[in-house]
């Protein structure tokens, strides 16, 4: 269920909140896939931190994959794992 909510939330954000996220759909289409993924993750984190004073989001690029860490998440804060833990963000 949380994975479905995560997908729906992301689709809504891109469709309805593109200005808030700083996403220009035309620019995204011409970016390489890895650059586009980092751009989207970074801007989602920035938008979350801009709208929530308790949020702390860090996006890291390590070994060819991205790590999106929300240090303010009440569900998975301080937990670590190789596969995604928080299915809201995983979605």
PDB file of N, CA and C in Angstrom:
ATOM      1  N   UNK A   1       0.822  -1.182   0.000  1.00  0.00           N
ATOM      2  CA  UNK A   1       0.000   0.000   0.000  1.00  0.00           C
ATOM      3  C   UNK A   1       0.876   1.259   0.000  1.00  0.00           C
ATOM      4  N   UNK A   2       1.913   1.270   0.858  1.00  0.00           N
ATOM      5  CA  UNK A   2       2.779   2.444   0.903  1.00  0.00           C
ATOM      6  C   UNK A   2       3.532   2.645  -0.410  1.00  0.00           C
ATOM      7  N   UNK A   3       3.876   1.555  -1.061  1.00  0.00           N
ATOM      8  CA  UNK A   3       4.551   1.671  -2.356  1.00  0.00           C
ATOM      9  C   UNK A   3       3.615   2.318  -3.385  1.00  0.00           C
ATOM     10  N   UNK A   4       2.362   1.924  -3.371  1.00  0.00           N
ATOM     11  CA  UNK A   4       1.370   2.507  -4.281  1.00  0.00           C
ATOM     12  C   UNK A   4       1.193   3.996  -3.962  1.00  0.00           C
ATOM     13  N   UNK A   5       1.129   4.336  -2.690  1.00  0.00           N
ATOM     14  CA  UNK A   5       0.992   5.740  -2.280  1.00  0.00           C
ATOM     15  C   UNK A   5       2.207   6.543  -2.732  1.00  0.00           C
ATOM     16  N   UNK A   6       3.393   5.954  -2.609  1.00  0.00           N
ATOM     17  CA  UNK A   6       4.609   6.630  -3.057  1.00  0.00           C
ATOM     18  C   UNK A   6       4.578   6.926  -4.544  1.00  0.00           C
ATOM     19  N   UNK A   7       4.170   5.955  -5.346  1.00  0.00           N
ATOM     20  CA  UNK A   7       4.076   6.176  -6.800  1.00  0.00           C
ATOM     21  C   UNK A   7       3.050   7.242  -7.129  1.00  0.00           C
ATOM     22  N   UNK A   8       1.879   7.160  -6.499  1.00  0.00           N
ATOM     23  CA  UNK A   8       0.822   8.140  -6.757  1.00  0.00           C
ATOM     24  C   UNK A   8       1.253   9.532  -6.317  1.00  0.00           C
ATOM     25  N   UNK A   9       1.930   9.631  -5.182  1.00  0.00           N
ATOM     26  CA  UNK A   9       2.395  10.925  -4.687  1.00  0.00           C
ATOM     27  C   UNK A   9       3.418  11.538  -5.633  1.00  0.00           C
ATOM     28  N   UNK A  10       4.338  10.720  -6.127  1.00  0.00           N
ATOM     29  CA  UNK A  10       5.346  11.229  -7.051  1.00  0.00           C
ATOM     30  C   UNK A  10       4.698  11.706  -8.347  1.00  0.00           C
ATOM     31  N   UNK A  11       3.784  10.917  -8.896  1.00  0.00           N
ATOM     32  CA  UNK A  11       3.112  11.316 -10.130  1.00  0.00           C
ATOM     33  C   UNK A  11       2.336  12.605  -9.932  1.00  0.00           C
ATOM     34  N   UNK A  12       1.662  12.752  -8.786  1.00  0.00           N
ATOM     35  CA  UNK A  12       0.924  13.980  -8.497  1.00  0.00           C
ATOM     36  C   UNK A  12       1.884  15.152  -8.405  1.00  0.00           C
ATOM     37  N   UNK A  13       3.018  14.963  -7.714  1.00  0.00           N
ATOM     38  CA  UNK A  13       3.980  16.054  -7.539  1.00  0.00           C
ATOM     39  C   UNK A  13       4.523  16.531  -8.874  1.00  0.00           C
ATOM     40  N   UNK A  14       4.866  15.610  -9.738  1.00  0.00           N
ATOM     41  CA  UNK A  14       5.402  15.997 -11.044  1.00  0.00           C
ATOM     42  C   UNK A  14       4.335  16.682 -11.889  1.00  0.00           C
ATOM     43  N   UNK A  15       3.112  16.177 -11.831  1.00  0.00           N
ATOM     44  CA  UNK A  15       2.031  16.725 -12.633  1.00  0.00           C
ATOM     45  C   UNK A  15       1.529  18.057 -12.076  1.00  0.00           C
ATOM     46  N   UNK A  16       1.279  18.131 -10.782  1.00  0.00           N
ATOM     47  CA  UNK A  16       0.618  19.290 -10.189  1.00  0.00           C
ATOM     48  C   UNK A  16       1.557  20.291  -9.528  1.00  0.00           C
ATOM     49  N   UNK A  17       2.715  19.852  -9.109  1.00  0.00           N
ATOM     50  CA  UNK A  17       3.615  20.724  -8.358  1.00  0.00           C
ATOM     51  C   UNK A  17       4.952  20.915  -9.060  1.00  0.00           C
ATOM     52  N   UNK A  18       4.963  20.877 -10.361  1.00  0.00           N
ATOM     53  CA  UNK A  18       6.218  20.972 -11.104  1.00  0.00           C
ATOM     54  C   UNK A  18       6.966  22.264 -10.782  1.00  0.00           C
ATOM     55  N   UNK A  19       6.253  23.370 -10.615  1.00  0.00           N
ATOM     56  CA  UNK A  19       6.915  24.637 -10.310  1.00  0.00           C
ATOM     57  C   UNK A  19       7.559  24.580  -8.923  1.00  0.00           C
ATOM     58  N   UNK A  20       6.885  23.977  -7.969  1.00  0.00           N
ATOM     59  CA  UNK A  20       7.428  23.847  -6.615  1.00  0.00           C
ATOM     60  C   UNK A  20       8.692  23.001  -6.619  1.00  0.00           C
ATOM     61  N   UNK A  21       8.706  21.961  -7.394  1.00  0.00           N
ATOM     62  CA  UNK A  21       9.863  21.077  -7.458  1.00  0.00           C
ATOM     63  C   UNK A  21      10.964  21.615  -8.364  1.00  0.00           C
ATOM     64  N   UNK A  22      10.692  22.661  -9.118  1.00  0.00           N
ATOM     65  CA  UNK A  22      11.679  23.219 -10.025  1.00  0.00           C
ATOM     66  C   UNK A  22      11.926  22.342 -11.231  1.00  0.00           C
ATOM     67  N   UNK A  23      10.914  21.625 -11.635  1.00  0.00           N
ATOM     68  CA  UNK A  23      11.064  20.679 -12.738  1.00  0.00           C
ATOM     69  C   UNK A  23      10.458  21.265 -14.013  1.00  0.00           C
ATOM     70  N   UNK A  24      11.245  21.309 -15.033  1.00  0.00           N
ATOM     71  CA  UNK A  24      10.757  21.702 -16.350  1.00  0.00           C
ATOM     72  C   UNK A  24      10.675  20.426 -17.178  1.00  0.00           C
ATOM     73  N   UNK A  25       9.476  20.009 -17.507  1.00  0.00           N
ATOM     74  CA  UNK A  25       9.279  18.731 -18.189  1.00  0.00           C
ATOM     75  C   UNK A  25      10.049  18.638 -19.494  1.00  0.00           C
ATOM     76  N   UNK A  26      10.135  19.727 -20.237  1.00  0.00           N
ATOM     77  CA  UNK A  26      10.856  19.700 -21.503  1.00  0.00           C
ATOM     78  C   UNK A  26      12.341  19.455 -21.251  1.00  0.00           C
ATOM     79  N   UNK A  27      12.889  20.110 -20.232  1.00  0.00           N
ATOM     80  CA  UNK A  27      14.310  19.933 -19.921  1.00  0.00           C
ATOM     81  C   UNK A  27      14.595  18.504 -19.464  1.00  0.00           C
ATOM     82  N   UNK A  28      13.665  17.913 -18.733  1.00  0.00           N
ATOM     83  CA  UNK A  28      13.869  16.546 -18.252  1.00  0.00           C
ATOM     84  C   UNK A  28      13.975  15.553 -19.397  1.00  0.00           C
ATOM     85  N   UNK A  29      13.238  15.783 -20.443  1.00  0.00           N
ATOM     86  CA  UNK A  29      13.225  14.835 -21.559  1.00  0.00           C
ATOM     87  C   UNK A  29      14.560  14.757 -22.283  1.00  0.00           C
ATOM     88  N   UNK A  30      15.338  15.831 -22.259  1.00  0.00           N
ATOM     89  CA  UNK A  30      16.608  15.832 -22.988  1.00  0.00           C
ATOM     90  C   UNK A  30      17.800  15.458 -22.105  1.00  0.00           C
ATOM     91  N   UNK A  31      17.588  15.344 -20.805  1.00  0.00           N
ATOM     92  CA  UNK A  31      18.679  14.978 -19.893  1.00  0.00           C
ATOM     93  C   UNK A  31      18.967  13.481 -19.981  1.00  0.00           C
ATOM     94  N   UNK A  32      20.232  13.105 -19.788  1.00  0.00           N
ATOM     95  CA  UNK A  32      20.539  11.678 -19.660  1.00  0.00           C
ATOM     96  C   UNK A  32      19.815  11.112 -18.438  1.00  0.00           C
ATOM     97  N   UNK A  33      19.554   9.817 -18.458  1.00  0.00           N
ATOM     98  CA  UNK A  33      18.740   9.184 -17.412  1.00  0.00           C
ATOM     99  C   UNK A  33      19.309   9.391 -15.996  1.00  0.00           C
ATOM    100  N   UNK A  34      20.601   9.194 -15.829  1.00  0.00           N
ATOM    101  CA  UNK A  34      21.210   9.341 -14.510  1.00  0.00           C
ATOM    102  C   UNK A  34      21.138  10.791 -14.030  1.00  0.00           C
ATOM    103  N   UNK A  35      21.395  11.727 -14.896  1.00  0.00           N
ATOM    104  CA  UNK A  35      21.309  13.148 -14.553  1.00  0.00           C
ATOM    105  C   UNK A  35      19.886  13.512 -14.194  1.00  0.00           C
ATOM    106  N   UNK A  36      18.929  12.993 -14.946  1.00  0.00           N
ATOM    107  CA  UNK A  36      17.507  13.256 -14.687  1.00  0.00           C
ATOM    108  C   UNK A  36      17.094  12.701 -13.326  1.00  0.00           C
ATOM    109  N   UNK A  37      17.533  11.488 -13.006  1.00  0.00           N
ATOM    110  CA  UNK A  37      17.183  10.878 -11.715  1.00  0.00           C
ATOM    111  C   UNK A  37      17.742  11.703 -10.558  1.00  0.00           C
ATOM    112  N   UNK A  38      19.013  12.108 -10.662  1.00  0.00           N
ATOM    113  CA  UNK A  38      19.614  12.905  -9.587  1.00  0.00           C
ATOM    114  C   UNK A  38      18.920  14.256  -9.464  1.00  0.00           C
ATOM    115  N   UNK A  39      18.596  14.868 -10.573  1.00  0.00           N
ATOM    116  CA  UNK A  39      17.910  16.157 -10.579  1.00  0.00           C
ATOM    117  C   UNK A  39      16.559  16.060  -9.874  1.00  0.00           C
ATOM    118  N   UNK A  40      15.802  15.031 -10.199  1.00  0.00           N
ATOM    119  CA  UNK A  40      14.473  14.855  -9.601  1.00  0.00           C
ATOM    120  C   UNK A  40      14.595  14.572  -8.102  1.00  0.00           C
ATOM    121  N   UNK A  41      15.464  13.651  -7.714  1.00  0.00           N
ATOM    122  CA  UNK A  41      15.621  13.328  -6.291  1.00  0.00           C
ATOM    123  C   UNK A  41      16.082  14.536  -5.479  1.00  0.00           C
ATOM    124  N   UNK A  42      17.044  15.285  -6.019  1.00  0.00           N
ATOM    125  CA  UNK A  42      17.552  16.462  -5.322  1.00  0.00           C
ATOM    126  C   UNK A  42      16.461  17.507  -5.154  1.00  0.00           C
ATOM    127  N   UNK A  43      15.670  17.732  -6.204  1.00  0.00           N
ATOM    128  CA  UNK A  43      14.621  18.744  -6.126  1.00  0.00           C
ATOM    129  C   UNK A  43      13.450  18.313  -5.251  1.00  0.00           C
ATOM    130  N   UNK A  44      13.155  17.039  -5.216  1.00  0.00           N
ATOM    131  CA  UNK A  44      12.113  16.557  -4.304  1.00  0.00           C
ATOM    132  C   UNK A  44      12.561  16.773  -2.860  1.00  0.00           C
ATOM    133  N   UNK A  45      13.804  16.443  -2.577  1.00  0.00           N
ATOM    134  CA  UNK A  45      14.339  16.670  -1.238  1.00  0.00           C
ATOM    135  C   UNK A  45      14.342  18.140  -0.863  1.00  0.00           C
ATOM    136  N   UNK A  46      14.745  18.993  -1.802  1.00  0.00           N
ATOM    137  CA  UNK A  46      14.762  20.436  -1.549  1.00  0.00           C
ATOM    138  C   UNK A  46      13.348  20.958  -1.289  1.00  0.00           C
ATOM    139  N   UNK A  47      12.385  20.515  -2.082  1.00  0.00           N
ATOM    140  CA  UNK A  47      11.001  20.963  -1.887  1.00  0.00           C
ATOM    141  C   UNK A  47      10.465  20.507  -0.535  1.00  0.00           C
ATOM    142  N   UNK A  48      10.823  19.296  -0.133  1.00  0.00           N
ATOM    143  CA  UNK A  48      10.384  18.797   1.171  1.00  0.00           C
ATOM    144  C   UNK A  48      10.986  19.630   2.297  1.00  0.00           C
ATOM    145  N   UNK A  49      12.266  19.959   2.180  1.00  0.00           N
ATOM    146  CA  UNK A  49      12.910  20.764   3.211  1.00  0.00           C
ATOM    147  C   UNK A  49      12.390  22.203   3.217  1.00  0.00           C
ATOM    148  N   UNK A  50      12.012  22.728   2.048  1.00  0.00           N
ATOM    149  CA  UNK A  50      11.459  24.084   1.978  1.00  0.00           C
ATOM    150  C   UNK A  50      10.078  24.172   2.615  1.00  0.00           C
ATOM    151  N   UNK A  51       9.314  23.096   2.551  1.00  0.00           N
ATOM    152  CA  UNK A  51       7.947  23.125   3.073  1.00  0.00           C
ATOM    153  C   UNK A  51       7.817  22.550   4.472  1.00  0.00           C
ATOM    154  N   UNK A  52       8.847  21.842   4.952  1.00  0.00           N
ATOM    155  CA  UNK A  52       8.795  21.229   6.274  1.00  0.00           C
ATOM    156  C   UNK A  52      10.074  21.574   7.027  1.00  0.00           C
ATOM    157  N   UNK A  53       9.987  22.407   8.061  1.00  0.00           N
ATOM    158  CA  UNK A  53      11.199  22.818   8.777  1.00  0.00           C
ATOM    159  C   UNK A  53      11.911  21.682   9.508  1.00  0.00           C
ATOM    160  N   UNK A  54      11.234  20.567   9.758  1.00  0.00           N
ATOM    161  CA  UNK A  54      11.847  19.437  10.451  1.00  0.00           C
ATOM    162  C   UNK A  54      12.526  18.451   9.515  1.00  0.00           C
ATOM    163  N   UNK A  55      12.406  18.655   8.218  1.00  0.00           N
ATOM    164  CA  UNK A  55      12.951  17.712   7.241  1.00  0.00           C
ATOM    165  C   UNK A  55      14.440  17.951   7.012  1.00  0.00           C
ATOM    166  N   UNK A  56      15.166  16.878   6.859  1.00  0.00           N
ATOM    167  CA  UNK A  56      16.564  16.919   6.455  1.00  0.00           C
ATOM    168  C   UNK A  56      16.760  15.782   5.464  1.00  0.00           C
ATOM    169  N   UNK A  57      16.914  16.129   4.203  1.00  0.00           N
ATOM    170  CA  UNK A  57      17.041  15.143   3.134  1.00  0.00           C
ATOM    171  C   UNK A  57      18.412  15.284   2.491  1.00  0.00           C
ATOM    172  N   UNK A  58      19.078  14.153   2.291  1.00  0.00           N
ATOM    173  CA  UNK A  58      20.388  14.129   1.651  1.00  0.00           C
ATOM    174  C   UNK A  58      20.325  13.136   0.494  1.00  0.00           C
ATOM    175  N   UNK A  59      20.776  13.562  -0.683  1.00  0.00           N
ATOM    176  CA  UNK A  59      20.855  12.687  -1.855  1.00  0.00           C
ATOM    177  C   UNK A  59      22.331  12.487  -2.165  1.00  0.00           C
ATOM    178  N   UNK A  60      22.754  11.227  -2.186  1.00  0.00           N
ATOM    179  CA  UNK A  60      24.158  10.904  -2.448  1.00  0.00           C
ATOM    180  C   UNK A  60      24.261   9.969  -3.642  1.00  0.00           C
ATOM    181  N   UNK A  61      25.320  10.164  -4.412  1.00  0.00           N
ATOM    182  CA  UNK A  61      25.614   9.300  -5.550  1.00  0.00           C
ATOM    183  C   UNK A  61      26.848   8.485  -5.186  1.00  0.00           C
ATOM    184  N   UNK A  62      26.641   7.192  -4.950  1.00  0.00           N
ATOM    185  CA  UNK A  62      27.755   6.327  -4.565  1.00  0.00           C
ATOM    186  C   UNK A  62      27.712   5.034  -5.365  1.00  0.00           C
ATOM    187  N   UNK A  63      28.797   4.727  -6.005  1.00  0.00           N
ATOM    188  CA  UNK A  63      28.932   3.478  -6.768  1.00  0.00           C
ATOM    189  C   UNK A  63      27.861   3.314  -7.835  1.00  0.00           C
ATOM    190  N   UNK A  64      27.479   4.395  -8.480  1.00  0.00           N
ATOM    191  CA  UNK A  64      26.523   4.323  -9.574  1.00  0.00           C
ATOM    192  C   UNK A  64      25.067   4.236  -9.176  1.00  0.00           C
ATOM    193  N   UNK A  65      24.765   4.355  -7.890  1.00  0.00           N
ATOM    194  CA  UNK A  65      23.362   4.367  -7.463  1.00  0.00           C
ATOM    195  C   UNK A  65      23.151   5.510  -6.482  1.00  0.00           C
ATOM    196  N   UNK A  66      21.914   5.941  -6.373  1.00  0.00           N
ATOM    197  CA  UNK A  66      21.595   7.079  -5.518  1.00  0.00           C
ATOM    198  C   UNK A  66      21.028   6.607  -4.189  1.00  0.00           C
ATOM    199  N   UNK A  67      21.385   7.315  -3.157  1.00  0.00           N
ATOM    200  CA  UNK A  67      20.813   7.093  -1.840  1.00  0.00           C
ATOM    201  C   UNK A  67      20.056   8.353  -1.461  1.00  0.00           C
ATOM    202  N   UNK A  68      18.753   8.207  -1.233  1.00  0.00           N
ATOM    203  CA  UNK A  68      17.882   9.309  -0.816  1.00  0.00           C
ATOM    204  C   UNK A  68      17.567   9.060   0.651  1.00  0.00           C
ATOM    205  N   UNK A  69      18.117   9.888   1.528  1.00  0.00           N
ATOM    206  CA  UNK A  69      17.942   9.689   2.961  1.00  0.00           C
ATOM    207  C   UNK A  69      17.165  10.854   3.550  1.00  0.00           C
ATOM    208  N   UNK A  70      16.045  10.532   4.173  1.00  0.00           N
ATOM    209  CA  UNK A  70      15.230  11.535   4.876  1.00  0.00           C
ATOM    210  C   UNK A  70      15.450  11.298   6.367  1.00  0.00           C
ATOM    211  N   UNK A  71      16.273  12.135   6.968  1.00  0.00           N
ATOM    212  CA  UNK A  71      16.612  11.962   8.383  1.00  0.00           C
ATOM    213  C   UNK A  71      15.457  12.327   9.309  1.00  0.00           C
ATOM    214  N   UNK A  72      14.414  12.925   8.775  1.00  0.00           N
ATOM    215  CA  UNK A  72      13.265  13.286   9.594  1.00  0.00           C
ATOM    216  C   UNK A  72      12.124  12.288   9.517  1.00  0.00           C
ATOM    217  N   UNK A  73      12.319  11.167   8.815  1.00  0.00           N
ATOM    218  CA  UNK A  73      11.254  10.177   8.663  1.00  0.00           C
ATOM    219  C   UNK A  73      11.047   9.423   9.980  1.00  0.00           C
ATOM    220  N   UNK A  74       9.846   9.476  10.502  1.00  0.00           N
ATOM    221  CA  UNK A  74       9.542   8.831  11.777  1.00  0.00           C
ATOM    222  C   UNK A  74       9.516   7.301  11.659  1.00  0.00           C
ATOM    223  N   UNK A  75       9.325   6.787  10.463  1.00  0.00           N
ATOM    224  CA  UNK A  75       9.219   5.343  10.267  1.00  0.00           C
ATOM    225  C   UNK A  75      10.589   4.676  10.186  1.00  0.00           C
ATOM    226  N   UNK A  76      11.497   5.247   9.440  1.00  0.00           N
ATOM    227  CA  UNK A  76      12.751   4.538   9.192  1.00  0.00           C
ATOM    228  C   UNK A  76      13.995   5.284   9.667  1.00  0.00           C
ATOM    229  N   UNK A  77      13.834   6.314  10.469  1.00  0.00           N
ATOM    230  CA  UNK A  77      14.980   7.058  10.982  1.00  0.00           C
ATOM    231  C   UNK A  77      15.899   6.134  11.787  1.00  0.00           C
ATOM    232  N   UNK A  78      17.167   6.202  11.531  1.00  0.00           N
ATOM    233  CA  UNK A  78      18.266   5.437  12.150  1.00  0.00           C
ATOM    234  C   UNK A  78      18.343   3.976  11.710  1.00  0.00           C
ATOM    235  N   UNK A  79      17.415   3.486  10.904  1.00  0.00           N
ATOM    236  CA  UNK A  79      17.500   2.116  10.397  1.00  0.00           C
ATOM    237  C   UNK A  79      18.372   2.107   9.143  1.00  0.00           C
ATOM    238  N   UNK A  80      19.130   1.060   8.938  1.00  0.00           N
ATOM    239  CA  UNK A  80      19.944   0.934   7.727  1.00  0.00           C
ATOM    240  C   UNK A  80      19.703  -0.425   7.088  1.00  0.00           C
ATOM    241  N   UNK A  81      19.840  -0.446   5.759  1.00  0.00           N
ATOM    242  CA  UNK A  81      19.626  -1.673   5.009  1.00  0.00           C
ATOM    243  C   UNK A  81      20.101  -1.469   3.584  1.00  0.00           C
ATOM    244  N   UNK A  82      20.515  -2.534   2.912  1.00  0.00           N
ATOM    245  CA  UNK A  82      20.895  -2.422   1.507  1.00  0.00           C
ATOM    246  C   UNK A  82      19.676  -2.174   0.617  1.00  0.00           C
ATOM    247  N   UNK A  83      18.610  -2.987   0.745  1.00  0.00           N
ATOM    248  CA  UNK A  83      17.414  -2.670  -0.051  1.00  0.00           C
ATOM    249  C   UNK A  83      16.646  -1.526   0.605  1.00  0.00           C
ATOM    250  N   UNK A  84      15.775  -0.835  -0.151  1.00  0.00           N
ATOM    251  CA  UNK A  84      14.993   0.264   0.422  1.00  0.00           C
ATOM    252  C   UNK A  84      14.180  -0.196   1.626  1.00  0.00           C
ATOM    253  N   UNK A  85      14.073   0.686   2.607  1.00  0.00           N
ATOM    254  CA  UNK A  85      13.337   0.375   3.825  1.00  0.00           C
ATOM    255  C   UNK A  85      11.941   1.024   3.792  1.00  0.00           C
ATOM    256  N   UNK A  86      11.909   2.303   3.473  1.00  0.00           N
ATOM    257  CA  UNK A  86      10.662   3.058   3.534  1.00  0.00           C
ATOM    258  C   UNK A  86       9.925   2.928   2.198  1.00  0.00           C
ATOM    259  N   UNK A  87       8.843   2.220   2.198  1.00  0.00           N
ATOM    260  CA  UNK A  87       8.147   1.944   0.941  1.00  0.00           C
ATOM    261  C   UNK A  87       7.441   3.165   0.383  1.00  0.00           C
ATOM    262  N   UNK A  88       7.216   4.178   1.196  1.00  0.00           N
ATOM    263  CA  UNK A  88       6.647   5.421   0.673  1.00  0.00           C
ATOM    264  C   UNK A  88       7.622   6.039  -0.314  1.00  0.00           C
ATOM    265  N   UNK A  89       8.908   6.130   0.077  1.00  0.00           N
ATOM    266  CA  UNK A  89       9.919   6.672  -0.831  1.00  0.00           C
ATOM    267  C   UNK A  89      10.308   5.671  -1.907  1.00  0.00           C
ATOM    268  N   UNK A  90      10.279   4.408  -1.586  1.00  0.00           N
ATOM    269  CA  UNK A  90      10.606   3.379  -2.574  1.00  0.00           C
ATOM    270  C   UNK A  90       9.639   3.442  -3.754  1.00  0.00           C
ATOM    271  N   UNK A  91       8.378   3.707  -3.473  1.00  0.00           N
ATOM    272  CA  UNK A  91       7.369   3.831  -4.532  1.00  0.00           C
ATOM    273  C   UNK A  91       7.658   4.970  -5.457  1.00  0.00           C
TER     274      UNK A  91
END
